[in-house]
Protein backbone atom coordinates (compact mmCIF):
# COMPACT_ATOMS: atom_id res chain seq x y z
CA MET A 1 48.61 81.14 124.46
CA MET A 2 45.76 81.60 126.36
CA LEU A 3 43.37 78.35 125.43
CA GLU A 4 44.16 75.16 126.55
CA ALA A 5 45.06 72.23 123.94
CA ASP A 6 41.71 70.57 123.50
CA ILE A 7 39.23 73.68 123.90
CA LYS A 8 41.16 74.98 121.04
CA ALA A 9 40.74 72.19 118.88
CA GLN A 10 36.74 72.44 119.91
CA LEU A 11 36.73 76.13 119.35
CA ASN A 12 38.29 75.27 115.63
CA GLN A 13 34.89 73.49 114.60
CA TYR A 14 33.04 76.04 116.07
CA LEU A 15 35.45 78.54 114.22
CA GLU A 16 34.56 77.11 110.39
CA LEU A 17 30.80 77.52 111.47
CA LEU A 18 30.75 81.45 111.29
CA GLU A 19 28.81 82.46 107.78
CA SER A 20 30.43 85.97 107.42
CA ASP A 21 33.49 88.76 108.51
CA ILE A 22 33.54 89.76 112.40
CA VAL A 23 35.81 92.84 113.83
CA LEU A 24 36.41 92.31 117.31
CA LYS A 25 36.80 96.04 118.72
CA VAL A 26 38.80 96.12 121.93
CA SER A 27 39.85 98.23 124.51
CA ALA A 28 43.04 97.39 126.37
CA GLY A 29 45.41 98.91 128.88
CA SER A 30 48.28 97.88 130.19
CA ASP A 31 46.86 95.45 133.12
CA LYS A 32 47.46 92.02 133.74
CA VAL A 33 43.63 91.26 132.30
CA SER A 34 44.25 93.82 128.97
CA LYS A 35 47.15 91.66 128.77
CA ASP A 36 45.45 87.89 128.77
CA MET A 37 41.99 89.62 126.88
CA LEU A 38 44.41 90.73 124.25
CA ALA A 39 46.19 87.79 124.02
CA LEU A 40 42.55 85.72 123.96
CA VAL A 41 41.31 88.37 121.07
CA GLU A 42 44.65 87.51 118.98
CA GLU A 43 44.35 83.82 119.29
CA LEU A 44 40.70 84.09 118.18
CA ALA A 45 41.80 86.14 115.06
CA SER A 46 44.54 83.24 114.55
CA MET A 47 42.06 80.63 114.70
CA SER A 48 40.08 82.06 111.80
CA SER A 49 40.52 84.07 108.36
CA LYS A 50 36.90 85.55 109.22
CA ILE A 51 37.86 87.15 112.33
CA THR A 52 40.26 90.50 112.59
CA PHE A 53 40.66 93.04 115.85
CA GLU A 54 41.34 96.59 116.10
CA GLU A 55 41.70 99.22 119.08
CA ALA A 56 39.22 100.95 119.98
CA GLN A 57 37.65 103.12 123.14
CA LEU A 58 35.27 101.46 124.69
CA SER A 59 33.50 102.53 127.67
CA ARG A 60 35.24 100.28 130.25
CA THR A 61 38.61 98.90 129.60
CA PRO A 62 40.40 95.72 129.54
CA SER A 63 37.04 94.83 127.36
CA PHE A 64 36.25 94.44 123.66
CA SER A 65 33.05 94.17 121.54
CA VAL A 66 32.32 91.51 118.87
CA ASN A 67 30.31 92.97 115.88
CA ARG A 68 29.64 92.72 111.83
CA VAL A 69 32.01 94.58 109.55
CA GLY A 70 30.80 98.51 109.58
CA GLU A 71 28.22 97.86 112.15
CA ASP A 72 28.23 97.72 116.09
CA THR A 73 26.30 94.81 116.73
CA GLY A 74 25.98 95.84 120.48
CA VAL A 75 27.71 92.87 122.47
CA THR A 76 30.35 93.16 124.94
CA PHE A 77 32.53 91.45 126.96
CA ALA A 78 34.43 93.71 129.55
CA GLY A 79 37.12 91.25 131.27
CA ILE A 80 37.87 87.76 129.86
CA PRO A 81 34.79 85.32 128.61
CA LEU A 82 36.68 82.19 129.85
CA GLY A 83 35.37 79.78 132.70
CA HIS A 84 31.41 79.40 132.73
CA GLU A 85 31.16 82.22 129.81
CA PHE A 86 33.71 80.35 127.14
CA THR A 87 30.23 79.24 125.74
CA SER A 88 28.74 82.84 126.04
CA LEU A 89 31.79 84.12 124.05
CA VAL A 90 31.65 81.22 121.43
CA LEU A 91 27.61 81.79 120.59
CA ALA A 92 28.40 85.52 120.42
CA LEU A 93 30.96 84.96 117.41
CA LEU A 94 28.30 82.47 115.73
CA GLN A 95 25.57 84.62 116.17
CA VAL A 96 27.13 88.05 115.39
CA SER A 97 28.76 85.75 112.00
CA GLY A 98 25.05 85.16 110.87
CA ARG A 99 24.27 81.88 112.17
CA ALA A 100 20.56 82.26 113.29
CA PRO A 101 19.95 81.78 117.29
CA LYS A 102 18.31 78.16 118.14
CA VAL A 103 15.06 79.55 119.99
CA ASP A 104 11.42 79.31 118.50
CA GLN A 105 10.71 82.04 115.55
CA SER A 106 7.87 83.16 117.35
CA VAL A 107 10.56 84.36 120.24
CA ILE A 108 12.99 85.87 117.95
CA ASP A 109 9.98 87.54 116.29
CA GLN A 110 9.21 89.43 120.25
CA VAL A 111 12.64 90.26 120.24
CA LYS A 112 12.46 92.43 116.79
CA ASN A 113 9.49 93.94 117.45
CA ILE A 114 10.54 95.90 120.62
CA LYS A 115 10.68 98.96 120.16
CA GLY A 116 13.00 101.49 122.17
CA GLU A 117 16.53 101.35 123.41
CA TYR A 118 17.29 99.20 125.83
CA ASN A 119 21.03 99.20 127.61
CA PHE A 120 22.11 95.91 129.46
CA GLU A 121 24.60 94.93 131.26
CA THR A 122 24.85 91.92 133.07
CA TYR A 123 27.97 91.17 136.24
CA VAL A 124 29.11 88.06 136.47
CA SER A 125 31.80 85.49 137.97
CA LEU A 126 33.33 83.74 135.95
CA SER A 127 31.93 80.55 138.43
CA CYS A 128 29.16 81.48 138.38
CA HIS A 129 26.89 78.12 136.04
CA ASN A 130 23.72 80.76 136.43
CA CYS A 131 25.03 83.29 134.23
CA PRO A 132 25.95 82.26 131.22
CA ASP A 133 21.92 81.68 130.19
CA VAL A 134 21.38 85.78 131.15
CA VAL A 135 24.49 86.80 128.91
CA GLN A 136 23.48 84.67 126.04
CA ALA A 137 19.81 85.65 125.94
CA LEU A 138 20.83 89.06 126.08
CA ASN A 139 23.59 88.87 123.67
CA MET A 140 20.90 87.06 121.29
CA MET A 141 18.37 90.26 122.10
CA SER A 142 21.22 92.84 120.78
CA VAL A 143 22.16 90.80 117.94
CA LEU A 144 18.55 90.34 116.63
CA ASN A 145 17.25 93.85 117.73
CA PRO A 146 19.69 97.31 116.83
CA GLY A 147 17.84 98.80 120.02
CA ILE A 148 19.55 96.68 122.08
CA THR A 149 22.49 96.59 123.42
CA HIS A 150 24.50 94.22 126.38
CA THR A 151 27.91 94.59 128.18
CA MET A 152 29.05 91.14 130.16
CA ILE A 153 31.00 93.04 132.82
CA ASP A 154 33.40 90.34 134.90
CA GLY A 155 32.62 91.59 138.70
CA ALA A 156 36.37 90.10 139.48
CA ALA A 157 38.20 92.13 137.20
CA PHE A 158 36.02 95.27 137.90
CA LYS A 159 35.62 94.78 141.52
CA GLU A 160 35.26 98.69 142.48
CA GLU A 161 32.64 99.26 139.56
CA ALA A 162 30.92 96.03 141.34
CA GLU A 163 31.04 97.22 144.92
CA SER A 164 30.11 100.92 143.66
CA LYS A 165 26.76 99.55 142.29
CA ASN A 166 26.68 97.04 145.13
CA VAL A 167 26.94 93.79 143.04
CA MET A 168 27.00 90.94 145.69
CA ALA A 169 25.24 88.32 144.24
CA VAL A 170 25.22 87.58 140.24
CA PRO A 171 24.01 87.51 137.98
CA SER A 172 23.06 91.11 138.82
CA LEU A 173 21.23 92.31 135.76
CA HIS A 174 20.98 96.02 135.20
CA LEU A 175 18.78 98.24 132.40
CA ASN A 176 19.52 101.50 131.41
CA GLY A 177 22.01 102.08 134.27
CA GLU A 178 19.38 101.16 136.47
CA PHE A 179 18.96 97.63 139.01
CA LEU A 180 16.33 95.21 137.02
CA SER A 181 16.76 92.19 138.26
CA GLY A 182 18.86 89.40 140.16
CA GLY A 183 19.71 85.57 139.88
CA ARG A 184 18.87 83.22 136.52
CA MET A 185 16.72 84.48 133.71
CA THR A 186 16.11 82.69 130.69
CA LEU A 187 15.25 84.86 127.48
CA GLU A 188 11.37 84.31 128.11
CA GLU A 189 11.88 85.30 131.57
CA ILE A 190 14.01 88.53 130.22
CA LEU A 191 11.05 88.87 127.96
CA ASP A 192 8.02 88.89 130.52
CA LYS A 193 10.23 92.00 132.25
CA ILE A 194 9.93 94.13 129.53
CA VAL A 195 7.52 93.08 127.36
CA GLU A 196 3.50 92.92 128.07
CA GLY A 197 3.13 88.76 128.76
CA PRO A 198 -0.25 86.38 127.68
CA SER A 199 -3.51 87.86 128.94
CA ALA A 200 -5.88 86.09 131.92
CA GLU A 201 -8.19 85.13 128.56
CA GLU A 202 -5.71 83.46 126.94
CA PHE A 203 -5.64 81.01 129.33
CA THR A 204 -9.28 80.63 130.46
CA ASP A 205 -10.49 80.21 127.00
CA LYS A 206 -8.31 76.94 126.82
CA ASP A 207 -10.38 73.74 126.44
CA PRO A 208 -9.76 71.08 129.41
CA TYR A 209 -6.92 68.90 129.89
CA ASP A 210 -6.95 65.19 130.78
CA VAL A 211 -3.79 65.80 132.75
CA LEU A 212 -2.24 69.20 133.98
CA VAL A 213 1.15 69.30 135.34
CA VAL A 214 1.66 72.33 137.95
CA GLY A 215 5.52 72.32 137.91
CA GLY A 216 8.22 71.99 135.37
CA GLY A 217 11.10 70.53 137.00
CA PRO A 218 12.54 66.89 137.04
CA ALA A 219 9.24 65.07 138.44
CA GLY A 220 6.80 67.91 136.30
CA ALA A 221 8.67 66.76 132.97
CA SER A 222 8.29 63.36 133.89
CA ALA A 223 4.83 62.75 134.60
CA ALA A 224 4.01 64.95 131.26
CA ILE A 225 6.35 62.65 129.11
CA TYR A 226 4.35 59.95 130.68
CA ALA A 227 1.06 61.35 130.04
CA ALA A 228 1.43 62.60 126.35
CA ARG A 229 2.79 59.36 125.46
CA LYS A 230 -0.75 57.55 126.69
CA GLY A 231 -1.84 59.82 123.91
CA ILE A 232 -4.54 62.10 126.34
CA ARG A 233 -4.65 65.97 126.42
CA THR A 234 -1.43 67.22 128.58
CA GLY A 235 -0.43 70.63 129.97
CA VAL A 236 2.35 72.05 132.28
CA VAL A 237 1.94 75.60 134.37
CA ALA A 238 5.24 76.09 135.34
CA GLU A 239 7.00 79.24 136.89
CA ARG A 240 10.13 78.22 135.68
CA PHE A 241 10.91 75.42 133.42
CA GLY A 242 13.93 73.30 135.22
CA GLY A 243 12.54 74.16 138.64
CA GLN A 244 15.45 73.56 141.57
CA VAL A 245 17.72 72.08 139.07
CA LEU A 246 18.17 75.04 137.63
CA ASP A 247 20.23 75.98 140.47
CA THR A 248 22.01 72.75 140.97
CA MET A 249 25.46 73.12 140.17
CA SER A 250 27.47 69.77 139.52
CA ILE A 251 24.94 66.37 139.30
CA GLU A 252 27.23 63.51 139.56
CA ASN A 253 24.09 60.80 140.96
CA PHE A 254 21.98 60.29 138.14
CA ILE A 255 22.18 57.49 136.76
CA SER A 256 23.53 56.77 133.69
CA VAL A 257 25.39 60.47 133.13
CA SER A 258 28.23 60.21 134.98
CA SER A 259 28.55 63.92 135.53
CA THR A 260 26.04 66.96 133.97
CA GLU A 261 24.96 70.84 135.34
CA GLY A 262 21.91 71.68 136.64
CA PRO A 263 21.08 74.45 134.21
CA LYS A 264 22.45 71.31 131.21
CA LEU A 265 19.86 68.79 132.42
CA ALA A 266 17.02 71.30 132.81
CA ALA A 267 17.44 71.97 129.19
CA SER A 268 17.11 68.35 127.76
CA LEU A 269 14.25 68.01 130.14
CA GLU A 270 12.89 70.25 128.25
CA GLU A 271 14.20 69.35 124.53
CA HIS A 272 12.83 66.38 125.68
CA VAL A 273 9.38 67.60 127.14
CA LYS A 274 9.05 69.35 123.55
CA ASP A 275 9.43 65.90 121.34
CA TYR A 276 5.91 65.41 122.90
CA ASP A 277 2.21 67.41 121.96
CA ILE A 278 2.41 69.31 125.42
CA ASP A 279 0.99 72.70 125.74
CA VAL A 280 3.26 74.34 128.00
CA MET A 281 2.47 77.44 130.02
CA ASN A 282 5.94 78.87 131.18
CA LEU A 283 6.34 81.27 133.46
CA GLN A 284 3.37 81.20 135.11
CA ARG A 285 2.08 80.43 139.01
CA ALA A 286 -0.34 78.92 140.14
CA SER A 287 -2.00 80.31 142.84
CA SER A 288 -5.43 78.23 144.33
CA LEU A 289 -6.63 74.74 142.97
CA GLU A 290 -10.37 73.91 143.16
CA LYS A 291 -12.69 70.72 142.19
CA ASN A 292 -15.65 71.39 141.16
CA ASP A 293 -18.48 68.77 139.59
CA GLY A 294 -15.41 66.74 138.97
CA MET A 295 -13.33 68.53 137.25
CA PHE A 296 -10.44 70.64 138.18
CA GLU A 297 -9.70 74.78 138.10
CA LEU A 298 -6.27 75.46 138.21
CA GLY A 299 -6.38 79.83 139.42
CA LEU A 300 -2.96 81.36 138.11
CA ASP A 301 -1.74 84.55 139.43
CA ASN A 302 -2.45 86.57 136.59
CA GLY A 303 -6.10 85.68 136.71
CA GLY A 304 -6.38 82.82 133.80
CA VAL A 305 -8.24 79.20 135.11
CA LEU A 306 -7.46 76.00 133.52
CA LYS A 307 -9.40 72.97 133.58
CA SER A 308 -8.59 69.89 133.37
CA LYS A 309 -10.28 66.42 134.51
CA SER A 310 -6.78 64.98 136.10
CA VAL A 311 -3.96 66.91 138.28
CA ILE A 312 -0.34 66.34 138.69
CA ILE A 313 1.22 68.69 141.59
CA SER A 314 4.70 68.96 141.50
CA THR A 315 5.91 72.60 142.89
CA GLY A 316 8.91 71.20 144.30
CA ALA A 317 10.87 72.93 146.93
CA ARG A 318 12.95 76.13 147.74
CA TRP A 319 15.64 77.19 150.08
CA ARG A 320 14.69 77.18 153.49
CA GLN A 321 15.26 80.40 155.04
CA VAL A 322 16.82 81.44 158.29
CA GLY A 323 13.65 83.16 159.50
CA VAL A 324 15.54 86.13 161.10
CA PRO A 325 15.83 89.57 161.29
CA GLY A 326 18.12 90.90 158.78
CA GLU A 327 17.74 87.91 156.42
CA GLU A 328 14.90 89.41 154.05
CA GLU A 329 16.38 92.99 154.25
CA PHE A 330 20.25 91.45 153.36
CA LYS A 331 19.28 89.28 150.70
CA ASN A 332 21.04 89.91 147.45
CA LYS A 333 23.33 92.64 149.62
CA GLY A 334 25.66 89.84 151.77
CA VAL A 335 23.15 86.68 151.86
CA ALA A 336 22.96 84.53 149.66
CA TYR A 337 22.65 80.60 148.84
CA CYS A 338 24.44 79.53 146.11
CA PRO A 339 27.50 79.37 147.13
CA HIS A 340 29.14 78.36 143.69
CA CYS A 341 27.66 81.56 142.03
CA ASP A 342 27.89 83.85 144.71
CA GLY A 343 31.19 82.63 146.62
CA PRO A 344 33.50 84.86 144.55
CA LEU A 345 32.17 87.81 144.98
CA PHE A 346 33.63 87.55 148.52
CA GLU A 347 36.98 86.71 147.63
CA GLY A 348 38.99 87.67 150.72
CA LYS A 349 35.92 88.19 152.96
CA ASP A 350 35.20 86.83 156.14
CA VAL A 351 31.52 84.61 155.61
CA ALA A 352 29.25 82.44 157.52
CA VAL A 353 27.87 79.60 156.87
CA ILE A 354 24.47 78.58 158.09
CA GLY A 355 23.52 74.59 158.53
CA GLY A 356 26.02 71.81 158.96
CA GLY A 357 24.18 68.89 156.87
CA ASN A 358 26.20 68.43 153.69
CA SER A 359 25.12 71.24 151.75
CA GLY A 360 26.32 73.51 154.45
CA ILE A 361 29.78 71.74 155.02
CA GLU A 362 30.16 71.50 150.94
CA ALA A 363 29.66 75.37 151.02
CA ALA A 364 31.78 75.83 153.59
CA ILE A 365 34.49 73.85 151.89
CA ASP A 366 34.01 75.60 148.63
CA LEU A 367 34.35 78.81 149.92
CA ALA A 368 37.21 78.26 152.00
CA GLY A 369 39.53 78.44 148.87
CA ILE A 370 37.99 81.91 147.89
CA VAL A 371 37.58 83.72 151.27
CA LYS A 372 39.94 84.36 153.94
CA HIS A 373 37.83 82.78 156.86
CA VAL A 374 34.27 80.55 156.76
CA THR A 375 32.49 80.16 160.47
CA VAL A 376 29.69 77.51 160.51
CA LEU A 377 26.92 77.70 162.41
CA GLU A 378 25.14 74.35 163.51
CA PHE A 379 21.95 74.44 165.55
CA ALA A 380 22.45 70.81 166.32
CA SER A 381 24.66 69.70 169.13
CA GLU A 382 26.69 67.92 166.06
CA LEU A 383 26.95 67.93 162.29
CA LYS A 384 24.43 65.96 160.06
CA ALA A 385 27.25 66.15 157.06
CA ASP A 386 29.02 63.01 156.17
CA GLN A 387 32.10 61.73 157.99
CA VAL A 388 34.07 62.47 155.12
CA LEU A 389 33.28 66.01 154.66
CA GLN A 390 33.11 66.68 158.62
CA GLU A 391 36.99 65.45 157.96
CA ARG A 392 37.65 67.54 155.22
CA ALA A 393 36.08 70.80 156.81
CA ASN A 394 38.38 69.88 160.09
CA SER A 395 41.32 70.03 157.95
CA LEU A 396 41.68 73.35 156.80
CA PRO A 397 42.61 76.23 158.92
CA ASN A 398 40.58 78.70 157.27
CA ILE A 399 36.79 76.81 158.75
CA THR A 400 35.76 77.52 162.09
CA ILE A 401 32.50 75.38 163.31
CA HIS A 402 30.25 76.24 166.20
CA THR A 403 27.47 73.52 167.15
CA ASN A 404 24.81 74.32 169.57
CA ALA A 405 25.02 77.59 167.77
CA GLN A 406 21.51 79.24 167.50
CA THR A 407 21.58 81.99 164.37
CA THR A 408 19.59 85.38 166.05
CA GLU A 409 20.17 88.40 163.47
CA ILE A 410 22.21 88.85 160.32
CA THR A 411 23.35 92.92 160.75
CA GLY A 412 24.69 95.33 158.63
CA ASP A 413 24.24 98.35 157.23
CA ALA A 414 23.91 99.39 153.44
CA ASN A 415 25.34 95.46 153.50
CA VAL A 416 26.05 92.71 155.60
CA ASN A 417 28.27 93.15 158.48
CA GLY A 418 28.18 90.56 160.92
CA ILE A 419 25.97 87.82 162.56
CA THR A 420 24.55 87.56 166.01
CA TYR A 421 24.52 83.72 167.41
CA VAL A 422 23.46 82.37 170.98
CA ASP A 423 25.37 79.44 172.50
CA ARG A 424 22.91 77.31 173.46
CA GLU A 425 24.48 74.90 176.30
CA THR A 426 25.95 78.81 177.90
CA GLY A 427 23.35 81.32 177.01
CA GLN A 428 26.22 83.46 175.96
CA GLU A 429 25.38 85.53 173.38
CA ASN A 430 27.90 85.96 170.37
CA HIS A 431 28.51 88.07 167.25
CA VAL A 432 30.89 87.46 164.82
CA LYS A 433 32.33 90.73 161.84
CA LEU A 434 31.61 89.41 158.23
CA GLU A 435 30.90 90.27 155.15
CA GLY A 436 28.81 87.72 153.89
CA VAL A 437 26.12 85.01 154.82
CA PHE A 438 25.47 81.60 153.33
CA VAL A 439 22.15 79.65 153.88
CA GLN A 440 22.00 75.93 153.69
CA ILE A 441 19.60 74.75 156.22
CA GLY A 442 17.54 72.06 153.49
CA LEU A 443 14.30 72.64 151.55
CA VAL A 444 10.42 74.09 152.30
CA PRO A 445 7.72 72.43 150.09
CA ASN A 446 5.69 75.19 147.61
CA THR A 447 2.14 74.35 148.86
CA GLU A 448 1.31 77.02 150.64
CA TRP A 449 -1.02 78.07 147.63
CA LEU A 450 -3.16 75.07 148.12
CA ASP A 451 -6.53 75.07 150.50
CA GLU A 452 -6.88 72.93 154.26
CA SER A 453 -8.51 69.95 151.58
CA ILE A 454 -5.45 68.21 150.63
CA GLU A 455 -3.50 66.21 153.28
CA ARG A 456 -0.13 67.37 154.42
CA ASN A 457 2.35 66.21 157.06
CA GLN A 458 3.47 68.99 159.60
CA ILE A 459 6.00 70.57 157.43
CA GLY A 460 3.69 70.94 154.45
CA GLU A 461 4.71 68.16 152.19
CA ILE A 462 1.98 66.45 150.41
CA VAL A 463 0.79 62.90 152.07
CA VAL A 464 0.51 60.48 148.79
CA ASP A 465 0.18 57.06 148.81
CA LYS A 466 2.01 53.82 146.48
CA ARG A 467 0.21 55.37 142.91
CA ASN A 468 1.12 59.04 144.54
CA ALA A 469 -2.46 59.77 145.05
CA THR A 470 -3.50 62.45 147.30
CA SER A 471 -6.31 62.72 149.65
CA ILE A 472 -8.58 63.99 146.80
CA PRO A 473 -9.49 61.64 144.04
CA GLY A 474 -7.99 63.01 140.62
CA LEU A 475 -5.52 64.64 142.29
CA PHE A 476 -1.98 63.30 142.23
CA ALA A 477 1.37 64.44 143.42
CA ALA A 478 5.34 64.04 142.71
CA GLY A 479 8.29 64.88 143.47
CA ASP A 480 10.02 67.32 146.56
CA VAL A 481 6.74 68.41 146.96
CA THR A 482 5.64 65.29 148.54
CA ASP A 483 6.42 62.88 151.29
CA VAL A 484 8.53 60.96 149.84
CA PRO A 485 12.08 60.60 151.93
CA TYR A 486 14.42 61.25 149.78
CA ASN A 487 14.70 64.31 147.87
CA GLN A 488 16.74 63.10 144.88
CA ILE A 489 16.46 64.29 140.97
CA ILE A 490 15.98 60.75 139.67
CA ILE A 491 13.25 60.12 142.47
CA SER A 492 11.81 63.31 141.78
CA MET A 493 11.75 61.83 137.80
CA GLY A 494 10.21 58.21 139.11
CA THR A 495 7.30 59.47 141.05
CA GLY A 496 6.25 61.84 138.06
CA ALA A 497 6.30 58.37 135.81
CA ASN A 498 4.22 57.12 139.25
CA ALA A 499 2.14 60.04 139.27
CA ALA A 500 0.98 60.09 135.65
CA LEU A 501 0.26 56.25 135.36
CA GLY A 502 -1.38 56.39 138.51
CA ALA A 503 -3.39 59.69 136.64
CA PHE A 504 -3.99 57.72 133.62
CA ASP A 505 -5.23 54.87 135.54
CA TYR A 506 -8.01 57.34 137.44
CA LEU A 507 -9.02 58.47 133.89
CA ILE A 508 -9.82 55.40 132.64
CA ARG A 509 -11.79 54.03 135.21
CA ASN A 510 -14.10 56.98 135.84
């Protein structure tokens, strides 16, 4: 039996929702993955009279495709879609059977109108929390459009293939045999890569807003909801709705929710925002902000300009880079920023973690269970991580910690092959041979697009007062982009609400 009892009970409820018969075409060999995959397929067929399976010769073994009777739907799983990909399997079964996907009709129409042949492949790891978004979006597109196919490939089951394609970070999306993009992507972001986006005029022609929120993470979502609840015209511009929360795995300190995952919380934020009359402009990057005659003008990367009486900046922060030779060159070729997503690709290999704070030591502990050896490099003379994490890391035989270690270069040829650091006490240069480097050295605020008129502190964070107002009247800021002392989701939400109330107060007084 492949599935545990509680998962099976859950699955039974979903399989009752199947609308028509499904045929699973299975290509299996004599290897262990094939046998386990066959056991899963047999179990699915035993649970619903609407599911049958048959042997077939697919382009990869082991793999299986999910089809309507007498029709190839274009949805294939190479490997066993368990772990984080189990939901992708369940949704594929439901959607192939005829259940409508839960997306806006305008998006469905956009997918159906795509002309041409698009054969997508996504390399994933089953522990990656970002991968299912890409897999589910492309499976849905394959179900809706006969010109689109998609195969999910488990990099662990197809290790040689993944290595030959130089896949060292997941999800890794390929189109018609060529690399298209890496990292987490929504359906809208994938469409943006293959379909023409909205024109600059569509933004410039919009009426002015009362409040325009720049950024769609927890602070931005909270600000938008609080503003909309005041009955004023509210807009949100977001490069990617959800922000950095999308890259966060486990969240256990969001009060009243004992445990959740970043992508799940981001989806809830988006749903809540959609409950209100808020103009959400996703996949749009802000490039400039000016104030003329009491009206703010927000310039976008695509050339469009939005006007608003007040603005709340909540553009958040991103992973800080080490800034040494090799980091940029070997990004996704051994240099990674998400141990949860990319750790399994380094199974049995030697890796380094740069950073000895909580995130660095947590990453080292996580990776120690997968990789051969972890070398931690901390610039300061002692680790900054909580004592309990330090004790755990020190107890693991395959973690080596170097303090006073200044990283000077990440080396490699096609991929990373080592890291060089200088011992700051002795001045001695050391080189460690390894195949992966995980950078975990904190955050940098997304403020480089703003001009000098907005007061910022020495690390670029926007300075705000108790109402989250900035040095410019009518301009507010919230969340990790500000000089708030602690970067926490719950604090970002609170400052977002505070900024919206501050903006409303500003509007009624002016």
